Amino acid sequence: MNDLFDTPAYKLVRRDDPSTSHDAAEQLDVGKMEMLVYKTIQSFGKTGCISDDVLKILSHHRYSSVTARYKQLKEKGLVVVDHRKSKAESGRMQLVMWAATHYEPEVQDE
């Protein structure tokens, strides 16, 4: 698998989490899920997407398995967010996410 999607287990748990959480983190194939979430975000191209969009496509996966991948993808520079938001089904606003390869900063009028 691509090294970009290999997140070490220690980044998945907090130091004070129970030993069962640490054991579970060692067993996860996080890279596979990161790649799936990344490819889903990338599929939206230059328009980007919000979490609701990703969750609709990956509805057969657990909510927490999907949303937990956003942080690692942003830290690795694969996914970009800025100040732009879009209305979610709940009526609340969610940040728009782009695959870094499709991200275009908003042009500011002078």
PDB file of N, CA and C in Angstrom:
ATOM      1  N   MET A   1       0.848  -1.186   0.000  1.00  0.00           N
ATOM      2  CA  MET A   1       0.000   0.000   0.000  1.00  0.00           C
ATOM      3  C   MET A   1       0.886   1.238   0.000  1.00  0.00           C
ATOM      4  N   ASN A   2       0.377   2.303  -0.491  1.00  0.00           N
ATOM      5  CA  ASN A   2       1.105   3.564  -0.566  1.00  0.00           C
ATOM      6  C   ASN A   2       1.497   4.033   0.835  1.00  0.00           C
ATOM      7  N   ASP A   3       2.757   4.427   1.031  1.00  0.00           N
ATOM      8  CA  ASP A   3       3.249   4.868   2.338  1.00  0.00           C
ATOM      9  C   ASP A   3       2.486   6.071   2.881  1.00  0.00           C
ATOM     10  N   LEU A   4       1.915   6.890   1.999  1.00  0.00           N
ATOM     11  CA  LEU A   4       1.149   8.045   2.458  1.00  0.00           C
ATOM     12  C   LEU A   4      -0.045   7.651   3.319  1.00  0.00           C
ATOM     13  N   PHE A   5      -0.518   6.444   3.146  1.00  0.00           N
ATOM     14  CA  PHE A   5      -1.710   5.998   3.856  1.00  0.00           C
ATOM     15  C   PHE A   5      -1.386   5.078   5.023  1.00  0.00           C
ATOM     16  N   ASP A   6      -0.130   5.005   5.412  1.00  0.00           N
ATOM     17  CA  ASP A   6       0.262   4.190   6.559  1.00  0.00           C
ATOM     18  C   ASP A   6       0.393   5.068   7.787  1.00  0.00           C
ATOM     19  N   THR A   7      -0.652   5.102   8.597  1.00  0.00           N
ATOM     20  CA  THR A   7      -0.643   5.886   9.832  1.00  0.00           C
ATOM     21  C   THR A   7      -0.257   4.970  10.979  1.00  0.00           C
ATOM     22  N   PRO A   8       0.761   5.345  11.742  1.00  0.00           N
ATOM     23  CA  PRO A   8       1.175   4.496  12.856  1.00  0.00           C
ATOM     24  C   PRO A   8       0.087   4.398  13.924  1.00  0.00           C
ATOM     25  N   ALA A   9       0.003   3.245  14.557  1.00  0.00           N
ATOM     26  CA  ALA A   9      -1.043   2.981  15.546  1.00  0.00           C
ATOM     27  C   ALA A   9      -1.029   3.977  16.698  1.00  0.00           C
ATOM     28  N   TYR A  10       0.139   4.456  17.100  1.00  0.00           N
ATOM     29  CA  TYR A  10       0.192   5.366  18.244  1.00  0.00           C
ATOM     30  C   TYR A  10      -0.568   6.673  17.973  1.00  0.00           C
ATOM     31  N   LYS A  11      -0.764   7.023  16.708  1.00  0.00           N
ATOM     32  CA  LYS A  11      -1.502   8.246  16.389  1.00  0.00           C
ATOM     33  C   LYS A  11      -3.017   8.042  16.474  1.00  0.00           C
ATOM     34  N   LEU A  12      -3.438   6.834  16.682  1.00  0.00           N
ATOM     35  CA  LEU A  12      -4.867   6.523  16.710  1.00  0.00           C
ATOM     36  C   LEU A  12      -5.449   6.479  18.115  1.00  0.00           C
ATOM     37  N   VAL A  13      -4.589   6.529  19.115  1.00  0.00           N
ATOM     38  CA  VAL A  13      -5.050   6.451  20.500  1.00  0.00           C
ATOM     39  C   VAL A  13      -4.334   7.497  21.349  1.00  0.00           C
ATOM     40  N   ARG A  14      -4.976   7.832  22.454  1.00  0.00           N
ATOM     41  CA  ARG A  14      -4.345   8.738  23.407  1.00  0.00           C
ATOM     42  C   ARG A  14      -3.524   7.923  24.400  1.00  0.00           C
ATOM     43  N   ARG A  15      -2.534   8.554  24.965  1.00  0.00           N
ATOM     44  CA  ARG A  15      -1.631   7.882  25.890  1.00  0.00           C
ATOM     45  C   ARG A  15      -2.372   7.231  27.058  1.00  0.00           C
ATOM     46  N   ASP A  16      -3.427   7.898  27.541  1.00  0.00           N
ATOM     47  CA  ASP A  16      -4.146   7.384  28.706  1.00  0.00           C
ATOM     48  C   ASP A  16      -5.341   6.498  28.351  1.00  0.00           C
ATOM     49  N   ASP A  17      -5.497   6.140  27.092  1.00  0.00           N
ATOM     50  CA  ASP A  17      -6.564   5.208  26.700  1.00  0.00           C
ATOM     51  C   ASP A  17      -6.278   3.830  27.285  1.00  0.00           C
ATOM     52  N   PRO A  18      -7.322   3.033  27.494  1.00  0.00           N
ATOM     53  CA  PRO A  18      -7.108   1.684  28.036  1.00  0.00           C
ATOM     54  C   PRO A  18      -6.288   0.812  27.079  1.00  0.00           C
ATOM     55  N   SER A  19      -5.675  -0.201  27.631  1.00  0.00           N
ATOM     56  CA  SER A  19      -4.814  -1.082  26.826  1.00  0.00           C
ATOM     57  C   SER A  19      -5.595  -1.745  25.690  1.00  0.00           C
ATOM     58  N   THR A  20      -6.894  -1.962  25.878  1.00  0.00           N
ATOM     59  CA  THR A  20      -7.694  -2.572  24.815  1.00  0.00           C
ATOM     60  C   THR A  20      -7.766  -1.667  23.589  1.00  0.00           C
ATOM     61  N   SER A  21      -7.789  -0.351  23.811  1.00  0.00           N
ATOM     62  CA  SER A  21      -7.795   0.596  22.686  1.00  0.00           C
ATOM     63  C   SER A  21      -6.470   0.552  21.946  1.00  0.00           C
ATOM     64  N   HIS A  22      -5.382   0.450  22.694  1.00  0.00           N
ATOM     65  CA  HIS A  22      -4.058   0.358  22.071  1.00  0.00           C
ATOM     66  C   HIS A  22      -3.930  -0.942  21.273  1.00  0.00           C
ATOM     67  N   ASP A  23      -4.447  -2.025  21.836  1.00  0.00           N
ATOM     68  CA  ASP A  23      -4.419  -3.313  21.131  1.00  0.00           C
ATOM     69  C   ASP A  23      -5.239  -3.254  19.848  1.00  0.00           C
ATOM     70  N   ALA A  24      -6.414  -2.628  19.925  1.00  0.00           N
ATOM     71  CA  ALA A  24      -7.285  -2.518  18.753  1.00  0.00           C
ATOM     72  C   ALA A  24      -6.623  -1.677  17.668  1.00  0.00           C
ATOM     73  N   ALA A  25      -5.951  -0.608  18.058  1.00  0.00           N
ATOM     74  CA  ALA A  25      -5.280   0.270  17.090  1.00  0.00           C
ATOM     75  C   ALA A  25      -4.211  -0.496  16.319  1.00  0.00           C
ATOM     76  N   GLU A  26      -3.542  -1.415  16.986  1.00  0.00           N
ATOM     77  CA  GLU A  26      -2.504  -2.221  16.333  1.00  0.00           C
ATOM     78  C   GLU A  26      -3.102  -3.153  15.275  1.00  0.00           C
ATOM     79  N   GLN A  27      -4.370  -3.530  15.444  1.00  0.00           N
ATOM     80  CA  GLN A  27      -5.009  -4.487  14.545  1.00  0.00           C
ATOM     81  C   GLN A  27      -5.689  -3.846  13.339  1.00  0.00           C
ATOM     82  N   LEU A  28      -5.907  -2.545  13.390  1.00  0.00           N
ATOM     83  CA  LEU A  28      -6.635  -1.858  12.321  1.00  0.00           C
ATOM     84  C   LEU A  28      -5.818  -1.735  11.042  1.00  0.00           C
ATOM     85  N   ASP A  29      -6.518  -1.819   9.919  1.00  0.00           N
ATOM     86  CA  ASP A  29      -5.894  -1.516   8.634  1.00  0.00           C
ATOM     87  C   ASP A  29      -6.345  -0.104   8.269  1.00  0.00           C
ATOM     88  N   VAL A  30      -5.776   0.853   8.975  1.00  0.00           N
ATOM     89  CA  VAL A  30      -6.166   2.251   8.822  1.00  0.00           C
ATOM     90  C   VAL A  30      -5.827   2.761   7.427  1.00  0.00           C
ATOM     91  N   GLY A  31      -4.720   2.313   6.886  1.00  0.00           N
ATOM     92  CA  GLY A  31      -4.295   2.767   5.564  1.00  0.00           C
ATOM     93  C   GLY A  31      -5.346   2.512   4.507  1.00  0.00           C
ATOM     94  N   LYS A  32      -5.985   1.374   4.570  1.00  0.00           N
ATOM     95  CA  LYS A  32      -7.022   1.036   3.593  1.00  0.00           C
ATOM     96  C   LYS A  32      -8.202   2.006   3.704  1.00  0.00           C
ATOM     97  N   MET A  33      -8.594   2.319   4.937  1.00  0.00           N
ATOM     98  CA  MET A  33      -9.724   3.232   5.148  1.00  0.00           C
ATOM     99  C   MET A  33      -9.337   4.657   4.770  1.00  0.00           C
ATOM    100  N   GLU A  34      -8.108   5.071   5.101  1.00  0.00           N
ATOM    101  CA  GLU A  34      -7.652   6.406   4.715  1.00  0.00           C
ATOM    102  C   GLU A  34      -7.690   6.567   3.201  1.00  0.00           C
ATOM    103  N   MET A  35      -7.227   5.549   2.494  1.00  0.00           N
ATOM    104  CA  MET A  35      -7.201   5.617   1.034  1.00  0.00           C
ATOM    105  C   MET A  35      -8.622   5.700   0.475  1.00  0.00           C
ATOM    106  N   LEU A  36      -9.530   4.945   1.052  1.00  0.00           N
ATOM    107  CA  LEU A  36     -10.922   4.959   0.600  1.00  0.00           C
ATOM    108  C   LEU A  36     -11.555   6.333   0.818  1.00  0.00           C
ATOM    109  N   VAL A  37     -11.343   6.917   1.986  1.00  0.00           N
ATOM    110  CA  VAL A  37     -11.893   8.241   2.280  1.00  0.00           C
ATOM    111  C   VAL A  37     -11.247   9.284   1.367  1.00  0.00           C
ATOM    112  N   TYR A  38      -9.930   9.192   1.195  1.00  0.00           N
ATOM    113  CA  TYR A  38      -9.232  10.137   0.314  1.00  0.00           C
ATOM    114  C   TYR A  38      -9.771  10.058  -1.113  1.00  0.00           C
ATOM    115  N   LYS A  39      -9.914   8.859  -1.653  1.00  0.00           N
ATOM    116  CA  LYS A  39     -10.402   8.700  -3.028  1.00  0.00           C
ATOM    117  C   LYS A  39     -11.830   9.227  -3.169  1.00  0.00           C
ATOM    118  N   THR A  40     -12.610   9.087  -2.113  1.00  0.00           N
ATOM    119  CA  THR A  40     -13.976   9.615  -2.140  1.00  0.00           C
ATOM    120  C   THR A  40     -13.945  11.140  -2.199  1.00  0.00           C
ATOM    121  N   ILE A  41     -13.135  11.756  -1.358  1.00  0.00           N
ATOM    122  CA  ILE A  41     -13.014  13.219  -1.376  1.00  0.00           C
ATOM    123  C   ILE A  41     -12.466  13.679  -2.725  1.00  0.00           C
ATOM    124  N   GLN A  42     -11.490  12.973  -3.228  1.00  0.00           N
ATOM    125  CA  GLN A  42     -10.879  13.322  -4.517  1.00  0.00           C
ATOM    126  C   GLN A  42     -11.895  13.246  -5.650  1.00  0.00           C
ATOM    127  N   SER A  43     -12.853  12.344  -5.555  1.00  0.00           N
ATOM    128  CA  SER A  43     -13.837  12.166  -6.625  1.00  0.00           C
ATOM    129  C   SER A  43     -14.723  13.405  -6.833  1.00  0.00           C
ATOM    130  N   PHE A  44     -14.761  14.308  -5.864  1.00  0.00           N
ATOM    131  CA  PHE A  44     -15.567  15.520  -5.992  1.00  0.00           C
ATOM    132  C   PHE A  44     -14.847  16.619  -6.766  1.00  0.00           C
ATOM    133  N   GLY A  45     -13.583  16.394  -7.080  1.00  0.00           N
ATOM    134  CA  GLY A  45     -12.833  17.333  -7.905  1.00  0.00           C
ATOM    135  C   GLY A  45     -12.734  18.720  -7.304  1.00  0.00           C
ATOM    136  N   LYS A  46     -12.805  19.722  -8.171  1.00  0.00           N
ATOM    137  CA  LYS A  46     -12.603  21.118  -7.763  1.00  0.00           C
ATOM    138  C   LYS A  46     -13.756  21.679  -6.938  1.00  0.00           C
ATOM    139  N   THR A  47     -14.911  21.035  -6.961  1.00  0.00           N
ATOM    140  CA  THR A  47     -16.042  21.535  -6.174  1.00  0.00           C
ATOM    141  C   THR A  47     -15.887  21.203  -4.696  1.00  0.00           C
ATOM    142  N   GLY A  48     -15.111  20.168  -4.385  1.00  0.00           N
ATOM    143  CA  GLY A  48     -14.941  19.757  -2.999  1.00  0.00           C
ATOM    144  C   GLY A  48     -16.203  19.108  -2.468  1.00  0.00           C
ATOM    145  N   CYS A  49     -16.196  18.781  -1.197  1.00  0.00           N
ATOM    146  CA  CYS A  49     -17.335  18.108  -0.581  1.00  0.00           C
ATOM    147  C   CYS A  49     -17.346  18.393   0.912  1.00  0.00           C
ATOM    148  N   ILE A  50     -18.457  18.078   1.524  1.00  0.00           N
ATOM    149  CA  ILE A  50     -18.554  18.153   2.981  1.00  0.00           C
ATOM    150  C   ILE A  50     -18.652  16.735   3.515  1.00  0.00           C
ATOM    151  N   SER A  51     -18.553  16.613   4.809  1.00  0.00           N
ATOM    152  CA  SER A  51     -18.590  15.291   5.431  1.00  0.00           C
ATOM    153  C   SER A  51     -19.861  14.523   5.057  1.00  0.00           C
ATOM    154  N   ASP A  52     -21.002  15.203   4.989  1.00  0.00           N
ATOM    155  CA  ASP A  52     -22.251  14.530   4.603  1.00  0.00           C
ATOM    156  C   ASP A  52     -22.114  13.834   3.256  1.00  0.00           C
ATOM    157  N   ASP A  53     -21.431  14.473   2.309  1.00  0.00           N
ATOM    158  CA  ASP A  53     -21.242  13.887   0.977  1.00  0.00           C
ATOM    159  C   ASP A  53     -20.428  12.599   1.054  1.00  0.00           C
ATOM    160  N   VAL A  54     -19.351  12.650   1.829  1.00  0.00           N
ATOM    161  CA  VAL A  54     -18.480  11.479   1.977  1.00  0.00           C
ATOM    162  C   VAL A  54     -19.244  10.353   2.658  1.00  0.00           C
ATOM    163  N   LEU A  55     -19.974  10.684   3.712  1.00  0.00           N
ATOM    164  CA  LEU A  55     -20.724   9.672   4.464  1.00  0.00           C
ATOM    165  C   LEU A  55     -21.825   9.025   3.618  1.00  0.00           C
ATOM    166  N   LYS A  56     -22.421   9.776   2.698  1.00  0.00           N
ATOM    167  CA  LYS A  56     -23.434   9.187   1.795  1.00  0.00           C
ATOM    168  C   LYS A  56     -22.810   8.117   0.921  1.00  0.00           C
ATOM    169  N   ILE A  57     -21.656   8.424   0.370  1.00  0.00           N
ATOM    170  CA  ILE A  57     -20.994   7.470  -0.524  1.00  0.00           C
ATOM    171  C   ILE A  57     -20.482   6.262   0.250  1.00  0.00           C
ATOM    172  N   LEU A  58     -19.993   6.503   1.449  1.00  0.00           N
ATOM    173  CA  LEU A  58     -19.422   5.414   2.253  1.00  0.00           C
ATOM    174  C   LEU A  58     -20.402   4.959   3.340  1.00  0.00           C
ATOM    175  N   SER A  59     -21.677   4.973   3.007  1.00  0.00           N
ATOM    176  CA  SER A  59     -22.723   4.673   3.994  1.00  0.00           C
ATOM    177  C   SER A  59     -22.638   3.254   4.564  1.00  0.00           C
ATOM    178  N   HIS A  60     -21.957   2.367   3.894  1.00  0.00           N
ATOM    179  CA  HIS A  60     -21.806   0.996   4.385  1.00  0.00           C
ATOM    180  C   HIS A  60     -20.672   0.872   5.406  1.00  0.00           C
ATOM    181  N   HIS A  61     -20.004   1.985   5.720  1.00  0.00           N
ATOM    182  CA  HIS A  61     -18.960   2.013   6.744  1.00  0.00           C
ATOM    183  C   HIS A  61     -19.477   2.782   7.951  1.00  0.00           C
ATOM    184  N   ARG A  62     -18.909   2.508   9.096  1.00  0.00           N
ATOM    185  CA  ARG A  62     -19.307   3.211  10.319  1.00  0.00           C
ATOM    186  C   ARG A  62     -18.920   4.690  10.238  1.00  0.00           C
ATOM    187  N   TYR A  63     -19.784   5.525  10.777  1.00  0.00           N
ATOM    188  CA  TYR A  63     -19.561   6.973  10.808  1.00  0.00           C
ATOM    189  C   TYR A  63     -18.175   7.295  11.370  1.00  0.00           C
ATOM    190  N   SER A  64     -17.860   6.713  12.521  1.00  0.00           N
ATOM    191  CA  SER A  64     -16.589   7.033  13.180  1.00  0.00           C
ATOM    192  C   SER A  64     -15.384   6.515  12.407  1.00  0.00           C
ATOM    193  N   SER A  65     -15.542   5.456  11.650  1.00  0.00           N
ATOM    194  CA  SER A  65     -14.436   4.941  10.838  1.00  0.00           C
ATOM    195  C   SER A  65     -14.103   5.895   9.702  1.00  0.00           C
ATOM    196  N   VAL A  66     -15.106   6.574   9.194  1.00  0.00           N
ATOM    197  CA  VAL A  66     -14.918   7.522   8.093  1.00  0.00           C
ATOM    198  C   VAL A  66     -14.393   8.857   8.618  1.00  0.00           C
ATOM    199  N   THR A  67     -15.110   9.441   9.567  1.00  0.00           N
ATOM    200  CA  THR A  67     -14.767  10.792  10.023  1.00  0.00           C
ATOM    201  C   THR A  67     -13.428  10.852  10.750  1.00  0.00           C
ATOM    202  N   ALA A  68     -13.008   9.780  11.360  1.00  0.00           N
ATOM    203  CA  ALA A  68     -11.713   9.759  12.049  1.00  0.00           C
ATOM    204  C   ALA A  68     -10.547   9.874  11.076  1.00  0.00           C
ATOM    205  N   ARG A  69     -10.764   9.587   9.810  1.00  0.00           N
ATOM    206  CA  ARG A  69      -9.683   9.647   8.814  1.00  0.00           C
ATOM    207  C   ARG A  69      -9.385  11.062   8.344  1.00  0.00           C
ATOM    208  N   TYR A  70     -10.320  11.991   8.510  1.00  0.00           N
ATOM    209  CA  TYR A  70     -10.110  13.356   8.030  1.00  0.00           C
ATOM    210  C   TYR A  70      -8.850  13.984   8.626  1.00  0.00           C
ATOM    211  N   LYS A  71      -8.667  13.830   9.917  1.00  0.00           N
ATOM    212  CA  LYS A  71      -7.534  14.470  10.585  1.00  0.00           C
ATOM    213  C   LYS A  71      -6.206  14.010   9.992  1.00  0.00           C
ATOM    214  N   GLN A  72      -6.039  12.688   9.842  1.00  0.00           N
ATOM    215  CA  GLN A  72      -4.776  12.185   9.293  1.00  0.00           C
ATOM    216  C   GLN A  72      -4.560  12.668   7.864  1.00  0.00           C
ATOM    217  N   LEU A  73      -5.616  12.690   7.074  1.00  0.00           N
ATOM    218  CA  LEU A  73      -5.485  13.128   5.686  1.00  0.00           C
ATOM    219  C   LEU A  73      -5.104  14.602   5.601  1.00  0.00           C
ATOM    220  N   LYS A  74      -5.635  15.413   6.513  1.00  0.00           N
ATOM    221  CA  LYS A  74      -5.260  16.834   6.541  1.00  0.00           C
ATOM    222  C   LYS A  74      -3.821  16.993   7.013  1.00  0.00           C
ATOM    223  N   GLU A  75      -3.434  16.265   8.053  1.00  0.00           N
ATOM    224  CA  GLU A  75      -2.060  16.354   8.570  1.00  0.00           C
ATOM    225  C   GLU A  75      -1.025  15.938   7.525  1.00  0.00           C
ATOM    226  N   LYS A  76      -1.382  15.013   6.675  1.00  0.00           N
ATOM    227  CA  LYS A  76      -0.468  14.540   5.624  1.00  0.00           C
ATOM    228  C   LYS A  76      -0.469  15.449   4.401  1.00  0.00           C
ATOM    229  N   GLY A  77      -1.335  16.443   4.409  1.00  0.00           N
ATOM    230  CA  GLY A  77      -1.400  17.375   3.289  1.00  0.00           C
ATOM    231  C   GLY A  77      -2.152  16.827   2.093  1.00  0.00           C
ATOM    232  N   LEU A  78      -2.870  15.743   2.265  1.00  0.00           N
ATOM    233  CA  LEU A  78      -3.626  15.141   1.164  1.00  0.00           C
ATOM    234  C   LEU A  78      -4.994  15.784   0.994  1.00  0.00           C
ATOM    235  N   VAL A  79      -5.537  16.305   2.091  1.00  0.00           N
ATOM    236  CA  VAL A  79      -6.849  16.956   2.076  1.00  0.00           C
ATOM    237  C   VAL A  79      -6.676  18.361   2.637  1.00  0.00           C
ATOM    238  N   VAL A  80      -7.356  19.316   2.012  1.00  0.00           N
ATOM    239  CA  VAL A  80      -7.251  20.718   2.393  1.00  0.00           C
ATOM    240  C   VAL A  80      -8.634  21.252   2.746  1.00  0.00           C
ATOM    241  N   VAL A  81      -8.691  22.063   3.801  1.00  0.00           N
ATOM    242  CA  VAL A  81      -9.899  22.819   4.141  1.00  0.00           C
ATOM    243  C   VAL A  81      -9.478  24.267   4.339  1.00  0.00           C
ATOM    244  N   ASP A  82     -10.381  25.170   4.082  1.00  0.00           N
ATOM    245  CA  ASP A  82     -10.136  26.578   4.394  1.00  0.00           C
ATOM    246  C   ASP A  82     -11.385  27.082   5.114  1.00  0.00           C
ATOM    247  N   HIS A  83     -11.720  28.328   4.974  1.00  0.00           N
ATOM    248  CA  HIS A  83     -12.864  28.897   5.683  1.00  0.00           C
ATOM    249  C   HIS A  83     -14.221  28.579   5.042  1.00  0.00           C
ATOM    250  N   ARG A  84     -14.222  28.056   3.828  1.00  0.00           N
ATOM    251  CA  ARG A  84     -15.485  27.843   3.109  1.00  0.00           C
ATOM    252  C   ARG A  84     -16.301  26.720   3.730  1.00  0.00           C
ATOM    253  N   LYS A  85     -17.601  26.953   3.782  1.00  0.00           N
ATOM    254  CA  LYS A  85     -18.533  25.987   4.374  1.00  0.00           C
ATOM    255  C   LYS A  85     -19.724  25.805   3.445  1.00  0.00           C
ATOM    256  N   SER A  86     -20.443  24.715   3.683  1.00  0.00           N
ATOM    257  CA  SER A  86     -21.662  24.438   2.937  1.00  0.00           C
ATOM    258  C   SER A  86     -22.679  23.849   3.909  1.00  0.00           C
ATOM    259  N   LYS A  87     -23.958  24.085   3.626  1.00  0.00           N
ATOM    260  CA  LYS A  87     -25.000  23.623   4.537  1.00  0.00           C
ATOM    261  C   LYS A  87     -25.169  22.103   4.458  1.00  0.00           C
ATOM    262  N   ALA A  88     -25.168  21.476   5.604  1.00  0.00           N
ATOM    263  CA  ALA A  88     -25.359  20.030   5.713  1.00  0.00           C
ATOM    264  C   ALA A  88     -26.844  19.709   5.827  1.00  0.00           C
ATOM    265  N   GLU A  89     -27.166  18.437   5.783  1.00  0.00           N
ATOM    266  CA  GLU A  89     -28.569  18.017   5.901  1.00  0.00           C
ATOM    267  C   GLU A  89     -29.188  18.454   7.223  1.00  0.00           C
ATOM    268  N   SER A  90     -28.357  18.567   8.249  1.00  0.00           N
ATOM    269  CA  SER A  90     -28.844  18.978   9.570  1.00  0.00           C
ATOM    270  C   SER A  90     -29.223  20.452   9.610  1.00  0.00           C
ATOM    271  N   GLY A  91     -28.813  21.194   8.585  1.00  0.00           N
ATOM    272  CA  GLY A  91     -29.030  22.633   8.566  1.00  0.00           C
ATOM    273  C   GLY A  91     -27.820  23.399   9.081  1.00  0.00           C
ATOM    274  N   ARG A  92     -26.894  22.691   9.703  1.00  0.00           N
ATOM    275  CA  ARG A  92     -25.657  23.313  10.173  1.00  0.00           C
ATOM    276  C   ARG A  92     -24.654  23.368   9.034  1.00  0.00           C
ATOM    277  N   MET A  93     -23.665  24.217   9.221  1.00  0.00           N
ATOM    278  CA  MET A  93     -22.629  24.370   8.198  1.00  0.00           C
ATOM    279  C   MET A  93     -21.471  23.406   8.463  1.00  0.00           C
ATOM    280  N   GLN A  94     -20.922  22.851   7.383  1.00  0.00           N
ATOM    281  CA  GLN A  94     -19.750  21.978   7.463  1.00  0.00           C
ATOM    282  C   GLN A  94     -18.666  22.550   6.563  1.00  0.00           C
ATOM    283  N   LEU A  95     -17.410  22.368   6.986  1.00  0.00           N
ATOM    284  CA  LEU A  95     -16.286  22.812   6.172  1.00  0.00           C
ATOM    285  C   LEU A  95     -16.209  22.000   4.885  1.00  0.00           C
ATOM    286  N   VAL A  96     -15.875  22.669   3.802  1.00  0.00           N
ATOM    287  CA  VAL A  96     -15.666  22.000   2.523  1.00  0.00           C
ATOM    288  C   VAL A  96     -14.253  21.429   2.521  1.00  0.00           C
ATOM    289  N   MET A  97     -14.113  20.203   2.013  1.00  0.00           N
ATOM    290  CA  MET A  97     -12.821  19.527   1.913  1.00  0.00           C
ATOM    291  C   MET A  97     -12.503  19.285   0.442  1.00  0.00           C
ATOM    292  N   TRP A  98     -11.225  19.402   0.114  1.00  0.00           N
ATOM    293  CA  TRP A  98     -10.750  19.105  -1.233  1.00  0.00           C
ATOM    294  C   TRP A  98      -9.548  18.178  -1.140  1.00  0.00           C
ATOM    295  N   ALA A  99      -9.391  17.307  -2.121  1.00  0.00           N
ATOM    296  CA  ALA A  99      -8.115  16.625  -2.279  1.00  0.00           C
ATOM    297  C   ALA A  99      -7.133  17.722  -2.662  1.00  0.00           C
ATOM    298  N   ALA A 100      -5.946  17.707  -2.094  1.00  0.00           N
ATOM    299  CA  ALA A 100      -4.966  18.776  -2.335  1.00  0.00           C
ATOM    300  C   ALA A 100      -4.710  18.985  -3.823  1.00  0.00           C
ATOM    301  N   THR A 101      -4.821  17.931  -4.604  1.00  0.00           N
ATOM    302  CA  THR A 101      -4.574  18.036  -6.044  1.00  0.00           C
ATOM    303  C   THR A 101      -5.638  18.867  -6.755  1.00  0.00           C
ATOM    304  N   HIS A 102      -6.804  19.035  -6.127  1.00  0.00           N
ATOM    305  CA  HIS A 102      -7.904  19.795  -6.739  1.00  0.00           C
ATOM    306  C   HIS A 102      -8.159  21.137  -6.066  1.00  0.00           C
ATOM    307  N   TYR A 103      -7.450  21.421  -5.006  1.00  0.00           N
ATOM    308  CA  TYR A 103      -7.725  22.637  -4.236  1.00  0.00           C
ATOM    309  C   TYR A 103      -7.278  23.891  -4.979  1.00  0.00           C
ATOM    310  N   GLU A 104      -8.178  24.859  -5.028  1.00  0.00           N
ATOM    311  CA  GLU A 104      -7.860  26.168  -5.590  1.00  0.00           C
ATOM    312  C   GLU A 104      -8.254  27.210  -4.554  1.00  0.00           C
ATOM    313  N   PRO A 105      -7.274  27.947  -4.037  1.00  0.00           N
ATOM    314  CA  PRO A 105      -7.610  28.983  -3.046  1.00  0.00           C
ATOM    315  C   PRO A 105      -8.608  29.975  -3.623  1.00  0.00           C
ATOM    316  N   GLU A 106      -9.442  30.471  -2.762  1.00  0.00           N
ATOM    317  CA  GLU A 106     -10.439  31.445  -3.179  1.00  0.00           C
ATOM    318  C   GLU A 106      -9.724  32.742  -3.573  1.00  0.00           C
ATOM    319  N   VAL A 107     -10.141  33.296  -4.686  1.00  0.00           N
ATOM    320  CA  VAL A 107      -9.549  34.541  -5.169  1.00  0.00           C
ATOM    321  C   VAL A 107     -10.205  35.699  -4.419  1.00  0.00           C
ATOM    322  N   GLN A 108      -9.383  36.526  -3.807  1.00  0.00           N
ATOM    323  CA  GLN A 108      -9.885  37.685  -3.055  1.00  0.00           C
ATOM    324  C   GLN A 108      -9.929  38.905  -3.976  1.00  0.00           C
ATOM    325  N   ASP A 109     -11.072  39.569  -3.984  1.00  0.00           N
ATOM    326  CA  ASP A 109     -11.202  40.821  -4.758  1.00  0.00           C
ATOM    327  C   ASP A 109     -10.453  41.923  -4.021  1.00  0.00           C
ATOM    328  N   GLU A 110      -9.753  42.731  -4.767  1.00  0.00           N
ATOM    329  CA  GLU A 110      -8.987  43.830  -4.138  1.00  0.00           C
ATOM    330  C   GLU A 110      -9.666  45.144  -4.320  1.00  0.00           C
TER     331      GLU A 110
END
